[in-house]
Amino acid sequence: MRRRHKNDVDKQKHESRDSRKSDSDYSASFFSSEKRVYGHLTWEWKRGIRSYLHPLLFVPLYRVLAFLHLDTPLVMRKAPRLLQSVFAAVGDLYSYKLSAVLFGDNVAKWALFSQLANWFMIYCSVRTLSNSLETVLTLVSLYFWPCMRSSSRSSTVSRKWGLVLAALACAIRPTSAIIWLYVGLLEFSKERYKLKLLFLEVAPIGMLVLGLTCLLDRIMYGTWILVPLNFLKFNFLSSGGDYYGTHKWHWYFTQGFPVMIFSFLPFCIAGIIYSKQWRYACLLAWVLGLYSVLGHKEFRFVLPVLPIALIFSGYCLAMIEDPGLRGYKGKESSKKRTNCSLKMVLAIIFLLATNIPMSLYMSLVHQRGPEDVMNHLAREARHGKVKNILFLTPCHATPYYSVLHRNLPMRFLDCTPSEERGVLDESDHFLMDPVSFLSEYAKNMSLPSHIVLFDSEEQKLKNLLNSYDYREERRFFNAHFKVDRELQASIVVYVHTRHVYKENRRE
């Protein structure tokens, strides 16, 4: 399966106030005091399968940074992640609140522990992926749905808030409708006044959110466009996502989700069995089952239901702490314990010892090369040592302008899906025969000052690069093991010797 965006924020065109302005995240395209435009607009936006609602959330952040003159490359890189961490904290809070509503405070504290200790939540929740925000909205919305509580003592107002948040989740990620179809049908089956629910709550709220989203997209795209419909056509009706690789139907059950939940898996299964909260267990099975029908699969697609599985893990941990919880009937546990049992200590040590190293390795070490190389190029560009860059890497393998923060010409291998099946894109052509591709490129295009590529391709191109007067400038570690293609142990920057000579003379 192809690797998608290393940094999910590099998806728009961006307008810059001056050469220091960056496109670190989505929203930099929404404000500018000059007409200087740079950045990259990926094919998803050209085909209208992405809504501008998610990028819009970052606009106030960029406005504030620009007003305070804090829009430096470092701050522009870090600020969106800090904002996403605030969203993630809201998700943690409502994970606790939802667990407390279902099982009581004792279970809620262990559910929160499970969410904070799980390696994939640590790795993914603070990334500016639309899936991360979808996960937060899902948790908050589930808290307000009467049918998803242990009791039906919920007002109509609560359900309306749940509907609004569910609609926003669907606007940001149309596939979120998979979750809300299940919840909606369950609520509809339990509701006495079904027509009232349908025509006085669901329809007005859904139409309002859809209308506002369409209006926003009309302003940004410059034409009326229905993003959910385009998304549905591409990903479901035409299986466009399969262009980026497919997995076996059972992948989410046998590999994907077990890797995400990791060592919490046995605790989750035990929690499901003993808690008997079949509504949530069936929701897990429903989401994993429907996503399994799609050929193209990624870990992040099922991120919204990972906290639900971790709530069950929290139940199991609470049950180890207090065995009387097994006969749970009310909101409080049947028995209070002052001393932590040996089983509890061993369970905590086991979970922390397996998840914390995993989260640190995956967040700080594994596949760090693309960000390191862009940080290096950003520093070089700040000193005027970079003229233009060619990335001979799989498409979207680096954060691109979101880290460079300079209006410099850059180019990477295109991987826009073809409407005709079997047609290879530019990235495929390069990987099949790197030498012929670069030779043809050199005949038709002027050679850049810098070329970036992985060591797996460097071995095939080294002699050709030397013949074009390129030499290795820097090499950065990337990975210890392969994921979805041959091992990319390091990423290398080559610089043209003529460019180096000019820089040296200038100095």
Protein backbone atom coordinates (compact mmCIF):
# COMPACT_ATOMS: atom_id res chain seq x y z
CA MET A 1 0.00 0.00 0.00
CA ARG A 2 1.33 3.41 -0.88
CA ARG A 3 2.23 5.71 1.95
CA ARG A 4 -0.04 8.73 1.88
CA HIS A 5 0.78 12.05 3.54
CA LYS A 6 3.67 12.08 5.95
CA ASN A 7 2.23 15.31 7.25
CA ASP A 8 -1.51 15.61 6.74
CA VAL A 9 -1.39 19.39 6.72
CA ASP A 10 0.26 19.87 3.31
CA LYS A 11 -2.87 19.74 1.16
CA GLN A 12 -3.72 23.28 0.07
CA LYS A 13 -2.52 26.24 -1.85
CA HIS A 14 -1.15 28.94 0.44
CA GLU A 15 -0.80 32.69 0.24
CA SER A 16 2.15 34.37 1.92
CA ARG A 17 2.55 37.78 3.50
CA ASP A 18 6.28 37.70 2.85
CA SER A 19 9.05 35.20 2.21
CA ARG A 20 8.96 34.12 5.85
CA LYS A 21 5.32 33.10 5.64
CA SER A 22 4.71 29.38 5.55
CA ASP A 23 2.13 26.82 4.60
CA SER A 24 2.62 24.72 7.69
CA ASP A 25 -1.03 23.77 7.84
CA TYR A 26 -4.27 23.83 5.94
CA SER A 27 -5.37 27.29 6.82
CA ALA A 28 -2.48 29.36 5.57
CA SER A 29 -4.32 29.60 2.25
CA PHE A 30 -7.15 31.57 3.81
CA PHE A 31 -5.35 34.81 4.57
CA SER A 32 -2.74 36.99 2.96
CA SER A 33 -1.88 40.63 2.65
CA GLU A 34 -0.18 40.18 -0.69
CA LYS A 35 -0.94 38.28 -3.87
CA ARG A 36 2.11 36.07 -3.67
CA VAL A 37 0.89 32.47 -3.81
CA TYR A 38 2.89 29.32 -3.27
CA GLY A 39 2.40 25.82 -2.05
CA HIS A 40 0.82 22.76 -3.56
CA LEU A 41 -2.78 21.85 -4.22
CA THR A 42 -3.12 18.06 -4.31
CA TRP A 43 -5.46 16.25 -6.66
CA GLU A 44 -8.11 15.66 -3.95
CA TRP A 45 -8.86 19.37 -3.88
CA LYS A 46 -8.87 19.66 -7.66
CA ARG A 47 -11.48 16.91 -7.85
CA GLY A 48 -13.54 18.31 -5.00
CA ILE A 49 -13.50 15.35 -2.63
CA ARG A 50 -12.29 17.36 0.37
CA SER A 51 -14.24 19.99 2.31
CA TYR A 52 -12.65 23.20 3.53
CA LEU A 53 -14.41 22.87 6.89
CA HIS A 54 -11.43 21.21 8.57
CA PRO A 55 -8.85 23.71 7.25
CA LEU A 56 -11.12 26.55 8.35
CA LEU A 57 -10.54 25.60 11.99
CA PHE A 58 -6.90 26.62 11.70
CA VAL A 59 -7.58 30.05 10.24
CA PRO A 60 -7.99 31.89 13.59
CA LEU A 61 -4.70 30.38 14.78
CA TYR A 62 -2.83 31.72 11.75
CA ARG A 63 -4.55 35.08 12.05
CA VAL A 64 -3.40 35.43 15.64
CA LEU A 65 0.16 34.38 14.80
CA ALA A 66 0.30 36.87 11.93
CA PHE A 67 -1.12 39.67 14.09
CA LEU A 68 1.43 39.02 16.86
CA HIS A 69 4.27 38.62 14.31
CA LEU A 70 4.90 35.13 15.61
CA ASP A 71 4.49 33.46 12.22
CA THR A 72 8.04 32.15 12.10
CA PRO A 73 8.82 28.79 10.48
CA LEU A 74 9.24 27.04 13.85
CA VAL A 75 6.01 28.38 15.34
CA MET A 76 4.07 27.76 12.13
CA ARG A 77 5.24 24.14 12.25
CA LYS A 78 4.37 23.54 15.87
CA ALA A 79 1.26 25.66 16.44
CA PRO A 80 -1.20 23.47 14.45
CA ARG A 81 -0.10 20.41 16.41
CA LEU A 82 -0.56 22.29 19.68
CA LEU A 83 -4.06 23.27 18.60
CA GLN A 84 -4.81 19.66 17.70
CA SER A 85 -3.54 18.64 21.14
CA VAL A 86 -6.29 20.84 22.62
CA PHE A 87 -8.85 18.98 20.49
CA ALA A 88 -7.31 15.68 21.65
CA ALA A 89 -7.66 16.76 25.28
CA VAL A 90 -11.38 17.36 24.68
CA GLY A 91 -11.59 13.83 23.30
CA ASP A 92 -9.86 12.46 26.42
CA LEU A 93 -12.30 14.35 28.64
CA TYR A 94 -15.36 12.96 26.87
CA SER A 95 -13.90 9.48 26.82
CA TYR A 96 -13.84 9.75 30.61
CA LYS A 97 -17.35 11.24 30.77
CA LEU A 98 -18.80 8.60 28.44
CA SER A 99 -17.19 5.82 30.49
CA ALA A 100 -18.55 7.36 33.69
CA VAL A 101 -22.08 7.44 32.24
CA LEU A 102 -21.81 3.80 31.18
CA PHE A 103 -19.96 2.21 34.09
CA GLY A 104 -19.22 4.74 36.82
CA ASP A 105 -16.20 6.78 37.89
CA ASN A 106 -14.03 3.80 38.83
CA VAL A 107 -14.16 2.40 35.32
CA ALA A 108 -13.86 5.89 33.82
CA LYS A 109 -10.47 6.52 35.40
CA TRP A 110 -9.10 3.27 33.94
CA ALA A 111 -10.67 3.99 30.55
CA LEU A 112 -8.85 7.33 30.60
CA PHE A 113 -5.63 5.56 31.59
CA SER A 114 -6.09 3.18 28.65
CA GLN A 115 -6.59 6.03 26.21
CA LEU A 116 -3.60 8.01 27.50
CA ALA A 117 -1.32 4.96 27.55
CA ASN A 118 -2.26 3.39 24.20
CA TRP A 119 0.60 3.85 21.76
CA PHE A 120 -1.55 4.58 18.70
CA MET A 121 -3.56 7.27 20.48
CA ILE A 122 -0.30 8.90 21.58
CA TYR A 123 1.03 8.64 18.04
CA CYS A 124 -2.04 9.80 16.14
CA SER A 125 -4.34 11.91 18.30
CA VAL A 126 -2.21 15.08 18.13
CA ARG A 127 -1.56 14.87 14.39
CA THR A 128 -3.54 17.27 12.23
CA LEU A 129 -5.32 14.49 10.40
CA SER A 130 -9.00 14.92 9.74
CA ASN A 131 -9.41 11.45 11.29
CA SER A 132 -8.07 12.80 14.59
CA LEU A 133 -10.72 15.49 14.77
CA GLU A 134 -13.35 13.00 13.59
CA THR A 135 -12.41 10.83 16.58
CA VAL A 136 -12.92 13.71 19.00
CA LEU A 137 -16.29 14.62 17.50
CA THR A 138 -17.35 10.97 17.65
CA LEU A 139 -16.57 10.68 21.36
CA VAL A 140 -18.33 13.93 22.25
CA SER A 141 -21.36 13.08 20.12
CA LEU A 142 -21.76 9.56 21.55
CA TYR A 143 -21.94 11.11 25.01
CA PHE A 144 -25.09 13.02 24.01
CA TRP A 145 -26.97 10.17 22.30
CA PRO A 146 -29.64 8.66 24.60
CA CYS A 147 -29.48 5.23 22.97
CA MET A 148 -25.74 4.97 23.70
CA ARG A 149 -26.11 5.61 27.45
CA SER A 150 -26.75 3.05 30.15
CA SER A 151 -30.03 4.82 30.95
CA SER A 152 -32.47 6.82 28.87
CA ARG A 153 -32.51 9.82 31.22
CA SER A 154 -31.40 12.23 28.52
CA SER A 155 -33.20 15.30 27.31
CA THR A 156 -34.03 16.12 23.71
CA VAL A 157 -31.47 18.93 23.90
CA SER A 158 -28.72 16.37 24.49
CA ARG A 159 -29.70 14.45 21.40
CA LYS A 160 -29.72 17.63 19.33
CA TRP A 161 -26.15 18.34 20.39
CA GLY A 162 -25.29 14.78 19.41
CA LEU A 163 -26.88 15.30 16.00
CA VAL A 164 -24.97 18.54 15.39
CA LEU A 165 -21.63 16.97 16.28
CA ALA A 166 -22.38 13.86 14.24
CA ALA A 167 -23.23 16.05 11.24
CA LEU A 168 -19.96 17.96 11.66
CA ALA A 169 -18.03 14.68 11.82
CA CYS A 170 -19.67 13.59 8.55
CA ALA A 171 -18.90 16.96 6.96
CA ILE A 172 -15.23 16.60 7.84
CA ARG A 173 -15.02 12.89 6.98
CA PRO A 174 -18.01 11.59 4.98
CA THR A 175 -17.08 8.03 5.93
CA SER A 176 -18.08 8.94 9.49
CA ALA A 177 -21.62 8.26 8.29
CA ILE A 178 -20.82 4.57 8.81
CA ILE A 179 -20.80 5.16 12.57
CA TRP A 180 -23.84 7.41 12.63
CA LEU A 181 -25.93 5.12 10.46
CA TYR A 182 -25.61 2.48 13.18
CA VAL A 183 -26.28 4.94 16.02
CA GLY A 184 -29.14 6.59 14.13
CA LEU A 185 -30.91 3.32 13.39
CA LEU A 186 -30.52 2.25 17.02
CA GLU A 187 -31.94 5.56 18.25
CA PHE A 188 -34.76 5.41 15.70
CA SER A 189 -35.76 1.91 16.83
CA LYS A 190 -35.99 3.04 20.48
CA GLU A 191 -37.73 6.37 19.86
CA ARG A 192 -41.49 6.54 20.44
CA TYR A 193 -42.04 9.64 18.30
CA LYS A 194 -40.21 8.54 15.20
CA LEU A 195 -41.60 11.16 12.78
CA LYS A 196 -40.73 13.93 15.22
CA LEU A 197 -37.18 12.65 15.45
CA LEU A 198 -36.86 12.37 11.71
CA PHE A 199 -38.46 15.62 10.55
CA LEU A 200 -37.96 17.97 13.50
CA GLU A 201 -34.44 16.99 14.53
CA VAL A 202 -32.48 14.90 12.03
CA ALA A 203 -33.61 16.63 8.82
CA PRO A 204 -33.29 20.29 9.99
CA ILE A 205 -29.89 19.80 11.67
CA GLY A 206 -28.53 17.71 8.81
CA MET A 207 -29.69 20.18 6.17
CA LEU A 208 -28.34 23.15 8.13
CA VAL A 209 -24.85 21.66 8.52
CA LEU A 210 -24.82 20.43 4.92
CA GLY A 211 -25.98 23.82 3.66
CA LEU A 212 -23.35 25.76 5.60
CA THR A 213 -20.63 23.35 4.49
CA CYS A 214 -21.71 23.65 0.85
CA LEU A 215 -21.71 27.44 1.15
CA LEU A 216 -18.17 27.39 2.54
CA ASP A 217 -17.00 25.09 -0.25
CA ARG A 218 -18.78 27.31 -2.80
CA ILE A 219 -16.73 30.27 -1.58
CA MET A 220 -13.44 28.37 -1.55
CA TYR A 221 -13.84 26.29 -4.72
CA GLY A 222 -15.47 29.12 -6.65
CA THR A 223 -18.35 26.94 -7.78
CA TRP A 224 -21.17 24.94 -6.23
CA ILE A 225 -19.87 21.53 -5.27
CA LEU A 226 -21.23 18.69 -3.13
CA VAL A 227 -18.15 17.21 -1.50
CA PRO A 228 -19.87 14.19 0.18
CA LEU A 229 -21.27 13.10 -3.19
CA ASN A 230 -17.87 13.39 -4.89
CA PHE A 231 -16.29 11.54 -1.98
CA LEU A 232 -18.87 8.76 -2.25
CA LYS A 233 -18.39 8.44 -6.01
CA PHE A 234 -14.62 8.21 -5.77
CA ASN A 235 -14.18 5.97 -2.73
CA PHE A 236 -17.25 3.72 -2.88
CA LEU A 237 -18.81 3.70 -6.33
CA SER A 238 -15.60 3.72 -8.38
CA SER A 239 -13.25 2.22 -5.74
CA GLY A 240 -10.81 5.03 -6.46
CA GLY A 241 -9.04 4.44 -3.17
CA ASP A 242 -7.90 1.03 -4.46
CA TYR A 243 -5.44 2.93 -6.65
CA TYR A 244 -3.32 3.44 -3.54
CA GLY A 245 -3.20 -0.24 -2.68
CA THR A 246 -5.51 -2.88 -1.27
CA HIS A 247 -5.52 -5.40 1.56
CA LYS A 248 -7.35 -8.64 2.23
CA TRP A 249 -10.91 -8.24 3.51
CA HIS A 250 -9.93 -9.45 7.01
CA TRP A 251 -6.99 -7.03 7.44
CA TYR A 252 -8.70 -4.81 10.04
CA PHE A 253 -9.58 -7.83 12.16
CA THR A 254 -6.32 -9.76 11.87
CA GLN A 255 -3.71 -6.99 11.55
CA GLY A 256 -4.92 -3.38 11.41
CA PHE A 257 -6.98 -2.97 14.57
CA PRO A 258 -4.94 -5.46 16.69
CA VAL A 259 -1.82 -3.40 15.92
CA MET A 260 -3.62 -0.20 16.92
CA ILE A 261 -5.00 -1.49 20.22
CA PHE A 262 -1.82 -3.55 20.73
CA SER A 263 -1.35 -5.03 24.22
CA PHE A 264 -4.75 -3.70 25.33
CA LEU A 265 -6.44 -6.28 23.08
CA PRO A 266 -6.95 -9.08 25.69
CA PHE A 267 -8.22 -6.50 28.18
CA CYS A 268 -10.65 -5.17 25.57
CA ILE A 269 -12.03 -8.64 24.81
CA ALA A 270 -12.45 -9.41 28.51
CA GLY A 271 -14.13 -6.03 29.03
CA ILE A 272 -16.63 -6.72 26.24
CA ILE A 273 -17.49 -10.15 27.66
CA TYR A 274 -17.94 -9.08 31.27
CA SER A 275 -19.50 -5.62 30.74
CA LYS A 276 -22.14 -6.93 28.32
CA GLN A 277 -22.37 -3.52 26.65
CA TRP A 278 -23.35 -5.08 23.34
CA ARG A 279 -24.37 -1.76 21.76
CA TYR A 280 -20.76 -0.63 21.73
CA ALA A 281 -19.39 -4.08 20.92
CA CYS A 282 -21.70 -4.23 17.91
CA LEU A 283 -20.65 -0.71 16.91
CA LEU A 284 -17.04 -1.88 16.86
CA ALA A 285 -17.93 -4.92 14.74
CA TRP A 286 -20.14 -2.81 12.44
CA VAL A 287 -17.42 -0.24 11.70
CA LEU A 288 -14.62 -2.78 11.23
CA GLY A 289 -16.91 -4.94 9.10
CA LEU A 290 -18.04 -2.17 6.74
CA TYR A 291 -14.54 -0.78 6.33
CA SER A 292 -13.39 -4.31 5.53
CA VAL A 293 -15.59 -4.27 2.43
CA LEU A 294 -13.43 -1.47 0.97
CA GLY A 295 -10.27 -2.59 -0.79
CA HIS A 296 -8.09 0.33 0.33
CA LYS A 297 -7.42 0.18 4.06
CA GLU A 298 -5.43 2.36 6.44
CA PHE A 299 -5.02 2.35 10.20
CA ARG A 300 -6.36 5.88 10.62
CA PHE A 301 -9.70 5.08 8.96
CA VAL A 302 -10.89 3.17 12.05
CA LEU A 303 -9.31 5.52 14.59
CA PRO A 304 -12.73 6.84 15.79
CA VAL A 305 -13.66 3.48 17.32
CA LEU A 306 -10.31 2.85 19.01
CA PRO A 307 -11.32 4.86 22.15
CA ILE A 308 -14.45 2.71 22.41
CA ALA A 309 -12.31 -0.43 22.50
CA LEU A 310 -10.11 1.23 25.12
CA ILE A 311 -13.17 1.94 27.27
CA PHE A 312 -13.70 -1.84 27.41
CA SER A 313 -10.05 -2.20 28.38
CA GLY A 314 -10.70 0.25 31.19
CA TYR A 315 -13.61 -1.89 32.36
CA CYS A 316 -11.35 -4.94 32.52
CA LEU A 317 -8.70 -3.04 34.50
CA ALA A 318 -11.36 -1.81 36.93
CA MET A 319 -12.56 -5.40 37.26
CA ILE A 320 -9.01 -6.53 38.16
CA GLU A 321 -8.84 -3.78 40.76
CA ASP A 322 -12.30 -4.61 42.09
CA PRO A 323 -13.52 -8.15 41.25
CA GLY A 324 -16.97 -7.19 42.54
CA LEU A 325 -17.39 -5.07 39.42
CA ARG A 326 -18.11 -8.27 37.49
CA GLY A 327 -21.63 -8.20 38.88
CA TYR A 328 -22.01 -4.53 38.02
CA LYS A 329 -25.52 -3.19 38.45
CA GLY A 330 -25.17 0.50 39.16
CA LYS A 331 -22.91 3.48 38.69
CA GLU A 332 -20.66 2.76 41.67
CA SER A 333 -18.48 -0.26 42.10
CA SER A 334 -19.65 -2.81 44.63
CA LYS A 335 -16.49 -2.72 46.62
CA LYS A 336 -13.76 -0.22 47.44
CA ARG A 337 -10.17 -1.30 47.63
CA THR A 338 -7.43 0.69 49.27
CA ASN A 339 -4.53 -1.53 48.33
CA CYS A 340 -3.50 -2.26 44.76
CA SER A 341 -3.37 -6.01 44.12
CA LEU A 342 -0.39 -7.74 42.56
CA LYS A 343 -2.47 -8.48 39.44
CA MET A 344 -3.25 -4.79 39.08
CA VAL A 345 0.41 -3.80 39.42
CA LEU A 346 1.49 -6.41 36.87
CA ALA A 347 -1.23 -5.34 34.43
CA ILE A 348 -0.20 -1.67 34.64
CA ILE A 349 3.50 -2.48 34.28
CA PHE A 350 2.77 -4.74 31.31
CA LEU A 351 0.69 -2.09 29.51
CA LEU A 352 3.12 0.75 30.14
CA ALA A 353 6.17 -1.37 29.28
CA THR A 354 4.68 -2.36 25.93
CA ASN A 355 2.98 0.89 24.87
CA ILE A 356 5.30 3.68 26.00
CA PRO A 357 8.43 2.38 24.17
CA MET A 358 6.28 1.66 21.12
CA SER A 359 4.83 5.19 21.10
CA LEU A 360 8.25 6.80 21.56
CA TYR A 361 9.80 4.72 18.79
CA MET A 362 6.99 5.29 16.30
CA SER A 363 6.68 9.00 17.12
CA LEU A 364 10.37 9.94 17.33
CA VAL A 365 12.39 7.35 15.41
CA HIS A 366 10.50 5.36 12.76
CA GLN A 367 10.34 7.09 9.35
CA ARG A 368 11.62 10.37 10.71
CA GLY A 369 13.79 10.96 7.63
CA PRO A 370 11.32 13.07 5.58
CA GLU A 371 10.88 15.62 8.37
CA ASP A 372 14.62 15.73 9.12
CA VAL A 373 15.47 16.31 5.49
CA MET A 374 12.91 19.10 5.19
CA ASN A 375 14.21 20.75 8.36
CA HIS A 376 17.69 20.66 6.83
CA LEU A 377 16.50 22.13 3.54
CA ALA A 378 14.55 24.81 5.42
CA ARG A 379 17.73 25.86 7.23
CA GLU A 380 19.68 25.88 3.99
CA ALA A 381 16.94 27.87 2.24
CA ARG A 382 16.97 30.42 5.06
CA HIS A 383 20.60 31.13 4.19
CA GLY A 384 19.89 31.30 0.46
CA LYS A 385 21.62 28.00 -0.32
CA VAL A 386 18.69 26.33 -2.06
CA LYS A 387 17.50 27.33 -5.51
CA ASN A 388 15.02 24.55 -6.35
CA ILE A 389 14.38 20.96 -5.27
CA LEU A 390 13.38 17.72 -6.99
CA PHE A 391 11.98 14.92 -4.81
CA LEU A 392 12.59 11.53 -6.38
CA THR A 393 10.58 9.83 -3.66
CA PRO A 394 7.14 8.21 -3.58
CA CYS A 395 4.56 10.99 -3.83
CA HIS A 396 3.69 12.90 -0.64
CA ALA A 397 6.56 11.24 1.21
CA THR A 398 7.71 14.55 2.73
CA PRO A 399 5.89 17.47 4.43
CA TYR A 400 6.89 19.65 1.45
CA TYR A 401 6.09 23.38 1.84
CA SER A 402 4.67 22.89 5.31
CA VAL A 403 8.22 22.73 6.67
CA LEU A 404 10.26 24.59 4.02
CA HIS A 405 8.35 27.89 4.47
CA ARG A 406 9.93 29.44 1.41
CA ASN A 407 8.56 30.41 -1.98
CA LEU A 408 10.99 28.15 -3.84
CA PRO A 409 10.28 25.93 -6.86
CA MET A 410 9.84 22.32 -5.79
CA ARG A 411 8.62 19.26 -7.62
CA PHE A 412 7.76 15.71 -6.59
CA LEU A 413 6.62 12.67 -8.53
CA ASP A 414 2.94 12.86 -9.37
CA CYS A 415 0.61 10.06 -8.33
CA THR A 416 -2.78 11.46 -9.32
CA PRO A 417 -5.16 8.53 -9.88
CA SER A 418 -5.97 7.92 -13.52
CA GLU A 419 -9.58 7.55 -14.56
CA GLU A 420 -8.47 4.58 -16.68
CA ARG A 421 -7.55 1.40 -14.86
CA GLY A 422 -4.06 0.04 -15.36
CA VAL A 423 -2.50 3.38 -16.31
CA LEU A 424 0.77 3.97 -14.43
CA ASP A 425 1.46 7.35 -12.87
CA GLU A 426 4.75 9.23 -12.80
CA SER A 427 5.73 7.76 -9.44
CA ASP A 428 5.21 4.22 -10.76
CA HIS A 429 7.31 4.93 -13.86
CA PHE A 430 10.15 6.19 -11.70
CA LEU A 431 10.10 3.20 -9.34
CA MET A 432 10.06 0.78 -12.28
CA ASP A 433 13.13 2.31 -13.98
CA PRO A 434 14.74 5.18 -12.05
CA VAL A 435 17.70 5.54 -14.43
CA SER A 436 15.58 5.97 -17.57
CA PHE A 437 13.21 8.32 -15.77
CA LEU A 438 15.95 10.67 -14.55
CA SER A 439 17.73 10.58 -17.89
CA GLU A 440 14.54 11.60 -19.68
CA TYR A 441 13.87 14.27 -17.06
CA ALA A 442 17.36 15.76 -17.58
CA LYS A 443 16.74 16.02 -21.32
CA ASN A 444 13.48 17.94 -20.97
CA MET A 445 13.90 19.92 -17.75
CA SER A 446 16.65 21.99 -16.17
CA LEU A 447 18.35 20.17 -13.33
CA PRO A 448 17.59 21.47 -9.80
CA SER A 449 20.11 22.58 -7.20
CA HIS A 450 19.03 19.78 -4.84
CA ILE A 451 17.67 16.27 -5.33
CA VAL A 452 16.12 14.24 -2.50
CA LEU A 453 15.71 10.46 -2.70
CA PHE A 454 15.69 7.34 -0.55
CA ASP A 455 18.75 5.11 -0.41
CA SER A 456 16.88 2.27 -2.11
CA GLU A 457 16.69 4.38 -5.29
CA GLU A 458 20.05 6.07 -4.69
CA GLN A 459 21.85 2.76 -5.23
CA LYS A 460 20.44 2.64 -8.78
CA LEU A 461 21.01 6.34 -9.55
CA LYS A 462 24.35 7.07 -7.89
CA ASN A 463 26.47 6.77 -11.02
CA LEU A 464 24.02 8.83 -13.08
CA LEU A 465 23.86 11.54 -10.41
CA ASN A 466 27.66 11.72 -10.34
CA SER A 467 27.71 12.09 -14.13
CA TYR A 468 25.39 15.10 -13.78
CA ASP A 469 27.83 16.64 -11.24
CA TYR A 470 25.77 15.94 -8.13
CA ARG A 471 27.39 14.98 -4.87
CA GLU A 472 25.93 13.78 -1.58
CA GLU A 473 25.33 16.63 0.83
CA ARG A 474 23.53 15.01 3.79
CA ARG A 475 22.11 11.63 4.73
CA PHE A 476 19.38 11.12 7.32
CA PHE A 477 18.19 7.98 9.08
CA ASN A 478 14.65 6.92 8.16
CA ALA A 479 13.71 3.40 9.26
CA HIS A 480 15.04 0.14 10.65
CA PHE A 481 12.50 -2.06 8.84
CA LYS A 482 10.30 -1.91 5.77
CA VAL A 483 6.56 -1.25 5.92
CA ASP A 484 4.82 -1.37 2.56
CA ARG A 485 7.77 -1.35 0.14
CA GLU A 486 11.46 -2.20 0.16
CA LEU A 487 13.48 -0.89 3.09
CA GLN A 488 14.03 2.87 3.01
CA ALA A 489 16.76 2.97 5.63
CA SER A 490 17.84 6.52 4.92
CA ILE A 491 16.95 9.57 2.87
CA VAL A 492 19.67 11.44 1.01
CA VAL A 493 20.13 15.00 -0.22
CA TYR A 494 22.24 15.53 -3.34
CA VAL A 495 23.43 19.01 -4.33
CA HIS A 496 24.68 20.15 -7.72
CA THR A 497 28.40 21.00 -7.56
CA ARG A 498 27.90 24.06 -9.79
CA HIS A 499 25.44 25.43 -7.24
CA VAL A 500 27.92 24.76 -4.42
CA TYR A 501 30.68 26.52 -6.36
CA LYS A 502 28.51 29.61 -6.84
CA GLU A 503 27.65 29.69 -3.15
CA ASN A 504 31.29 29.39 -2.16
CA ARG A 505 32.28 32.25 -4.47
CA ARG A 506 29.49 34.38 -3.07
CA GLU A 507 30.78 33.77 0.46
